[in-house]
PDB file of N, CA and C in Angstrom:
ATOM      1  N   UNK A   1     -65.283  14.921  27.482  1.00  0.00           N
ATOM      2  CA  UNK A   1     -64.509  14.137  26.573  1.00  0.00           C
ATOM      3  C   UNK A   1     -65.275  12.909  26.374  1.00  0.00           C
ATOM      4  N   UNK A   2     -65.453  11.983  25.379  1.00  0.00           N
ATOM      5  CA  UNK A   2     -66.098  10.871  25.300  1.00  0.00           C
ATOM      6  C   UNK A   2     -65.582   9.870  26.050  1.00  0.00           C
ATOM      7  N   UNK A   3     -66.600   9.101  26.554  1.00  0.00           N
ATOM      8  CA  UNK A   3     -66.024   7.677  27.585  1.00  0.00           C
ATOM      9  C   UNK A   3     -65.093   6.822  26.880  1.00  0.00           C
ATOM     10  N   UNK A   4     -64.852   6.706  25.747  1.00  0.00           N
ATOM     11  CA  UNK A   4     -63.903   5.909  25.016  1.00  0.00           C
ATOM     12  C   UNK A   4     -62.678   6.766  24.614  1.00  0.00           C
ATOM     13  N   UNK A   5     -62.192   8.082  25.134  1.00  0.00           N
ATOM     14  CA  UNK A   5     -61.358   8.682  24.849  1.00  0.00           C
ATOM     15  C   UNK A   5     -59.947   8.061  25.807  1.00  0.00           C
ATOM     16  N   UNK A   6     -58.979   8.147  25.269  1.00  0.00           N
ATOM     17  CA  UNK A   6     -57.656   7.457  25.831  1.00  0.00           C
ATOM     18  C   UNK A   6     -57.476   8.445  27.077  1.00  0.00           C
ATOM     19  N   UNK A   7     -56.903   7.627  28.245  1.00  0.00           N
ATOM     20  CA  UNK A   7     -56.723   8.292  29.311  1.00  0.00           C
ATOM     21  C   UNK A   7     -55.329   9.271  29.482  1.00  0.00           C
ATOM     22  N   UNK A   8     -54.497   8.874  28.520  1.00  0.00           N
ATOM     23  CA  UNK A   8     -53.644   9.698  28.459  1.00  0.00           C
ATOM     24  C   UNK A   8     -53.180  10.001  26.750  1.00  0.00           C
ATOM     25  N   UNK A   9     -52.329  11.090  26.512  1.00  0.00           N
ATOM     26  CA  UNK A   9     -52.105  11.287  24.949  1.00  0.00           C
ATOM     27  C   UNK A   9     -50.296  11.483  25.196  1.00  0.00           C
ATOM     28  N   UNK A  10     -49.932  11.535  24.098  1.00  0.00           N
ATOM     29  CA  UNK A  10     -48.543  11.569  23.972  1.00  0.00           C
ATOM     30  C   UNK A  10     -48.077  12.258  22.609  1.00  0.00           C
ATOM     31  N   UNK A  11     -46.900  13.115  22.843  1.00  0.00           N
ATOM     32  CA  UNK A  11     -46.521  13.802  21.360  1.00  0.00           C
ATOM     33  C   UNK A  11     -45.037  14.134  21.733  1.00  0.00           C
ATOM     34  N   UNK A  12     -44.438  13.905  20.587  1.00  0.00           N
ATOM     35  CA  UNK A  12     -43.093  14.484  20.473  1.00  0.00           C
ATOM     36  C   UNK A  12     -42.815  15.609  19.560  1.00  0.00           C
ATOM     37  N   UNK A  13     -41.730  16.490  20.039  1.00  0.00           N
ATOM     38  CA  UNK A  13     -41.606  17.623  19.230  1.00  0.00           C
ATOM     39  C   UNK A  13     -40.011  17.718  19.551  1.00  0.00           C
ATOM     40  N   UNK A  14     -39.354  17.760  18.320  1.00  0.00           N
ATOM     41  CA  UNK A  14     -37.832  18.215  18.330  1.00  0.00           C
ATOM     42  C   UNK A  14     -37.559  19.492  18.753  1.00  0.00           C
ATOM     43  N   UNK A  15     -36.516  19.678  19.244  1.00  0.00           N
ATOM     44  CA  UNK A  15     -35.919  20.980  19.747  1.00  0.00           C
ATOM     45  C   UNK A  15     -34.691  21.087  19.524  1.00  0.00           C
ATOM     46  N   UNK A  16     -34.215  22.497  18.937  1.00  0.00           N
ATOM     47  CA  UNK A  16     -32.798  22.838  18.967  1.00  0.00           C
ATOM     48  C   UNK A  16     -32.607  23.859  20.072  1.00  0.00           C
ATOM     49  N   UNK A  17     -31.838  23.424  20.967  1.00  0.00           N
ATOM     50  CA  UNK A  17     -31.247  24.479  22.110  1.00  0.00           C
ATOM     51  C   UNK A  17     -30.022  24.896  21.659  1.00  0.00           C
ATOM     52  N   UNK A  18     -30.003  26.322  21.794  1.00  0.00           N
ATOM     53  CA  UNK A  18     -28.589  26.831  21.787  1.00  0.00           C
ATOM     54  C   UNK A  18     -28.356  27.604  23.134  1.00  0.00           C
ATOM     55  N   UNK A  19     -26.809  27.422  23.533  1.00  0.00           N
ATOM     56  CA  UNK A  19     -26.478  27.700  24.583  1.00  0.00           C
ATOM     57  C   UNK A  19     -25.254  28.813  24.338  1.00  0.00           C
ATOM     58  N   UNK A  20     -25.089  29.750  25.384  1.00  0.00           N
ATOM     59  CA  UNK A  20     -23.927  30.634  25.492  1.00  0.00           C
ATOM     60  C   UNK A  20     -23.177  30.726  26.512  1.00  0.00           C
ATOM     61  N   UNK A  21     -21.885  30.761  26.535  1.00  0.00           N
ATOM     62  CA  UNK A  21     -21.226  30.643  27.787  1.00  0.00           C
ATOM     63  C   UNK A  21     -21.234  32.295  28.348  1.00  0.00           C
ATOM     64  N   UNK A  22     -21.530  32.364  29.732  1.00  0.00           N
ATOM     65  CA  UNK A  22     -21.503  33.662  30.177  1.00  0.00           C
ATOM     66  C   UNK A  22     -20.969  33.602  31.540  1.00  0.00           C
ATOM     67  N   UNK A  23     -19.945  34.237  31.760  1.00  0.00           N
ATOM     68  CA  UNK A  23     -19.164  34.282  33.113  1.00  0.00           C
ATOM     69  C   UNK A  23     -18.947  32.622  33.555  1.00  0.00           C
ATOM     70  N   UNK A  24     -18.343  31.989  32.701  1.00  0.00           N
ATOM     71  CA  UNK A  24     -18.078  30.572  33.063  1.00  0.00           C
ATOM     72  C   UNK A  24     -19.238  29.720  33.334  1.00  0.00           C
ATOM     73  N   UNK A  25     -20.484  30.297  32.940  1.00  0.00           N
ATOM     74  CA  UNK A  25     -21.541  29.254  32.983  1.00  0.00           C
ATOM     75  C   UNK A  25     -22.411  29.290  31.704  1.00  0.00           C
ATOM     76  N   UNK A  26     -22.924  28.033  31.473  1.00  0.00           N
ATOM     77  CA  UNK A  26     -23.748  27.856  30.296  1.00  0.00           C
ATOM     78  C   UNK A  26     -25.239  28.094  30.465  1.00  0.00           C
ATOM     79  N   UNK A  27     -25.594  29.237  29.568  1.00  0.00           N
ATOM     80  CA  UNK A  27     -27.166  29.760  29.603  1.00  0.00           C
ATOM     81  C   UNK A  27     -27.696  29.376  28.116  1.00  0.00           C
ATOM     82  N   UNK A  28     -29.096  28.822  28.429  1.00  0.00           N
ATOM     83  CA  UNK A  28     -29.786  28.617  27.332  1.00  0.00           C
ATOM     84  C   UNK A  28     -30.304  29.713  26.660  1.00  0.00           C
ATOM     85  N   UNK A  29     -29.781  30.040  25.397  1.00  0.00           N
ATOM     86  CA  UNK A  29     -30.047  31.313  24.686  1.00  0.00           C
ATOM     87  C   UNK A  29     -31.335  31.209  23.877  1.00  0.00           C
ATOM     88  N   UNK A  30     -31.744  29.824  23.381  1.00  0.00           N
ATOM     89  CA  UNK A  30     -33.092  29.865  22.476  1.00  0.00           C
ATOM     90  C   UNK A  30     -33.365  28.549  22.454  1.00  0.00           C
ATOM     91  N   UNK A  31     -34.736  28.240  22.068  1.00  0.00           N
ATOM     92  CA  UNK A  31     -35.161  26.889  22.097  1.00  0.00           C
ATOM     93  C   UNK A  31     -35.980  26.913  20.829  1.00  0.00           C
ATOM     94  N   UNK A  32     -35.691  26.347  19.743  1.00  0.00           N
ATOM     95  CA  UNK A  32     -36.150  26.496  18.358  1.00  0.00           C
ATOM     96  C   UNK A  32     -37.055  24.851  18.192  1.00  0.00           C
ATOM     97  N   UNK A  33     -38.240  25.031  18.033  1.00  0.00           N
ATOM     98  CA  UNK A  33     -39.012  23.968  17.591  1.00  0.00           C
ATOM     99  C   UNK A  33     -38.536  23.316  16.249  1.00  0.00           C
ATOM    100  N   UNK A  34     -38.711  22.042  16.066  1.00  0.00           N
ATOM    101  CA  UNK A  34     -38.287  21.499  14.665  1.00  0.00           C
ATOM    102  C   UNK A  34     -39.588  20.512  14.415  1.00  0.00           C
ATOM    103  N   UNK A  35     -39.684  20.461  13.081  1.00  0.00           N
ATOM    104  CA  UNK A  35     -40.446  19.378  12.403  1.00  0.00           C
ATOM    105  C   UNK A  35     -41.959  19.541  13.141  1.00  0.00           C
ATOM    106  N   UNK A  36     -42.329  20.975  13.285  1.00  0.00           N
ATOM    107  CA  UNK A  36     -43.672  21.457  13.624  1.00  0.00           C
ATOM    108  C   UNK A  36     -44.536  20.986  12.629  1.00  0.00           C
ATOM    109  N   UNK A  37     -45.751  20.269  12.956  1.00  0.00           N
ATOM    110  CA  UNK A  37     -46.777  19.993  11.704  1.00  0.00           C
ATOM    111  C   UNK A  37     -47.233  21.362  11.117  1.00  0.00           C
ATOM    112  N   UNK A  38     -47.389  21.419   9.844  1.00  0.00           N
ATOM    113  CA  UNK A  38     -47.798  22.650   9.201  1.00  0.00           C
ATOM    114  C   UNK A  38     -49.372  22.544   9.346  1.00  0.00           C
ATOM    115  N   UNK A  39     -50.059  23.570   8.989  1.00  0.00           N
ATOM    116  CA  UNK A  39     -51.720  23.583   9.299  1.00  0.00           C
ATOM    117  C   UNK A  39     -52.011  22.830   8.104  1.00  0.00           C
ATOM    118  N   UNK A  40     -53.403  22.354   8.103  1.00  0.00           N
ATOM    119  CA  UNK A  40     -54.006  21.625   7.141  1.00  0.00           C
ATOM    120  C   UNK A  40     -54.299  22.764   6.046  1.00  0.00           C
ATOM    121  N   UNK A  41     -53.965  22.134   4.416  1.00  0.00           N
ATOM    122  CA  UNK A  41     -54.273  22.866   3.477  1.00  0.00           C
ATOM    123  C   UNK A  41     -55.535  23.385   3.039  1.00  0.00           C
ATOM    124  N   UNK A  42     -56.498  22.296   3.432  1.00  0.00           N
ATOM    125  CA  UNK A  42     -57.874  22.654   3.257  1.00  0.00           C
ATOM    126  C   UNK A  42     -58.637  22.537   4.630  1.00  0.00           C
ATOM    127  N   UNK A  43     -59.590  23.539   4.892  1.00  0.00           N
ATOM    128  CA  UNK A  43     -60.351  23.418   6.158  1.00  0.00           C
ATOM    129  C   UNK A  43     -61.120  22.320   6.205  1.00  0.00           C
ATOM    130  N   UNK A  44     -61.187  21.761   7.557  1.00  0.00           N
ATOM    131  CA  UNK A  44     -62.044  20.597   8.104  1.00  0.00           C
ATOM    132  C   UNK A  44     -63.458  20.718   7.821  1.00  0.00           C
ATOM    133  N   UNK A  45     -63.883  19.943   7.089  1.00  0.00           N
ATOM    134  CA  UNK A  45     -65.473  19.936   6.692  1.00  0.00           C
ATOM    135  C   UNK A  45     -66.490  20.188   7.701  1.00  0.00           C
ATOM    136  N   UNK A  46     -66.108  19.539   9.117  1.00  0.00           N
ATOM    137  CA  UNK A  46     -66.666  19.812  10.179  1.00  0.00           C
ATOM    138  C   UNK A  46     -66.951  20.884  10.751  1.00  0.00           C
ATOM    139  N   UNK A  47     -65.936  21.795  10.698  1.00  0.00           N
ATOM    140  CA  UNK A  47     -65.706  22.922  11.130  1.00  0.00           C
ATOM    141  C   UNK A  47     -66.279  24.127  10.518  1.00  0.00           C
ATOM    142  N   UNK A  48     -66.880  25.097  11.294  1.00  0.00           N
ATOM    143  CA  UNK A  48     -67.486  26.399  10.931  1.00  0.00           C
ATOM    144  C   UNK A  48     -66.826  27.736  11.421  1.00  0.00           C
ATOM    145  N   UNK A  49     -66.714  28.753  10.589  1.00  0.00           N
ATOM    146  CA  UNK A  49     -65.883  30.018  11.296  1.00  0.00           C
ATOM    147  C   UNK A  49     -66.765  30.389  12.495  1.00  0.00           C
ATOM    148  N   UNK A  50     -65.903  30.822  13.356  1.00  0.00           N
ATOM    149  CA  UNK A  50     -66.219  31.343  14.617  1.00  0.00           C
ATOM    150  C   UNK A  50     -66.156  32.826  14.890  1.00  0.00           C
ATOM    151  N   UNK A  51     -67.188  33.600  15.203  1.00  0.00           N
ATOM    152  CA  UNK A  51     -67.154  35.073  15.556  1.00  0.00           C
ATOM    153  C   UNK A  51     -66.647  35.204  16.803  1.00  0.00           C
ATOM    154  N   UNK A  52     -65.419  35.923  16.743  1.00  0.00           N
ATOM    155  CA  UNK A  52     -64.739  36.085  18.029  1.00  0.00           C
ATOM    156  C   UNK A  52     -65.521  37.036  18.952  1.00  0.00           C
ATOM    157  N   UNK A  53     -66.330  37.489  18.612  1.00  0.00           N
ATOM    158  CA  UNK A  53     -67.068  38.605  19.428  1.00  0.00           C
ATOM    159  C   UNK A  53     -68.035  37.655  20.452  1.00  0.00           C
ATOM    160  N   UNK A  54     -68.317  36.361  19.960  1.00  0.00           N
ATOM    161  CA  UNK A  54     -69.492  35.626  20.699  1.00  0.00           C
ATOM    162  C   UNK A  54     -68.635  34.708  21.543  1.00  0.00           C
ATOM    163  N   UNK A  55     -69.147  34.865  22.997  1.00  0.00           N
ATOM    164  CA  UNK A  55     -68.435  34.183  24.247  1.00  0.00           C
ATOM    165  C   UNK A  55     -69.459  33.060  24.306  1.00  0.00           C
ATOM    166  N   UNK A  56     -68.889  31.828  24.386  1.00  0.00           N
ATOM    167  CA  UNK A  56     -69.559  30.786  24.631  1.00  0.00           C
ATOM    168  C   UNK A  56     -70.292  30.682  25.948  1.00  0.00           C
ATOM    169  N   UNK A  57     -71.305  30.138  26.185  1.00  0.00           N
ATOM    170  CA  UNK A  57     -71.967  30.139  27.547  1.00  0.00           C
ATOM    171  C   UNK A  57     -71.133  29.262  28.488  1.00  0.00           C
ATOM    172  N   UNK A  58     -70.789  28.091  28.384  1.00  0.00           N
ATOM    173  CA  UNK A  58     -69.815  27.466  28.954  1.00  0.00           C
ATOM    174  C   UNK A  58     -68.351  27.011  28.334  1.00  0.00           C
ATOM    175  N   UNK A  59     -67.452  27.955  28.458  1.00  0.00           N
ATOM    176  CA  UNK A  59     -65.853  27.731  27.867  1.00  0.00           C
ATOM    177  C   UNK A  59     -65.409  26.266  27.901  1.00  0.00           C
ATOM    178  N   UNK A  60     -65.789  25.262  28.815  1.00  0.00           N
ATOM    179  CA  UNK A  60     -65.365  24.029  29.015  1.00  0.00           C
ATOM    180  C   UNK A  60     -66.560  22.980  28.248  1.00  0.00           C
ATOM    181  N   UNK A  61     -67.297  23.460  27.849  1.00  0.00           N
ATOM    182  CA  UNK A  61     -68.211  22.647  26.919  1.00  0.00           C
ATOM    183  C   UNK A  61     -67.635  22.037  25.790  1.00  0.00           C
ATOM    184  N   UNK A  62     -67.852  20.869  25.266  1.00  0.00           N
ATOM    185  CA  UNK A  62     -67.179  20.481  24.068  1.00  0.00           C
ATOM    186  C   UNK A  62     -67.689  21.089  22.726  1.00  0.00           C
ATOM    187  N   UNK A  63     -66.608  20.994  21.884  1.00  0.00           N
ATOM    188  CA  UNK A  63     -67.174  21.797  20.725  1.00  0.00           C
ATOM    189  C   UNK A  63     -68.363  21.096  19.856  1.00  0.00           C
ATOM    190  N   UNK A  64     -69.092  22.205  19.395  1.00  0.00           N
ATOM    191  CA  UNK A  64     -70.485  21.820  18.668  1.00  0.00           C
ATOM    192  C   UNK A  64     -70.217  21.615  17.188  1.00  0.00           C
ATOM    193  N   UNK A  65     -70.583  20.449  16.653  1.00  0.00           N
ATOM    194  CA  UNK A  65     -70.445  20.336  14.989  1.00  0.00           C
ATOM    195  C   UNK A  65     -71.621  20.634  14.246  1.00  0.00           C
ATOM    196  N   UNK A  66     -71.975  21.277  13.451  1.00  0.00           N
ATOM    197  CA  UNK A  66     -72.984  21.416  12.727  1.00  0.00           C
ATOM    198  C   UNK A  66     -73.206  20.744  11.492  1.00  0.00           C
TER     199      UNK A  66
END
């Protein structure tokens, strides 16, 4: 990560929890994400298609831009 990158990040996602009553106890039956950002409508100009058959030499290496 760049030296000037923030030490922490924060994100908020709304959830819709659904519960059912079973044998006198409430159980979580579903967790639905709300307000999920949609993917960008046009590709990022800095990114290039990646061939999924190619394995990076170092998977922890930062992404390279052409």
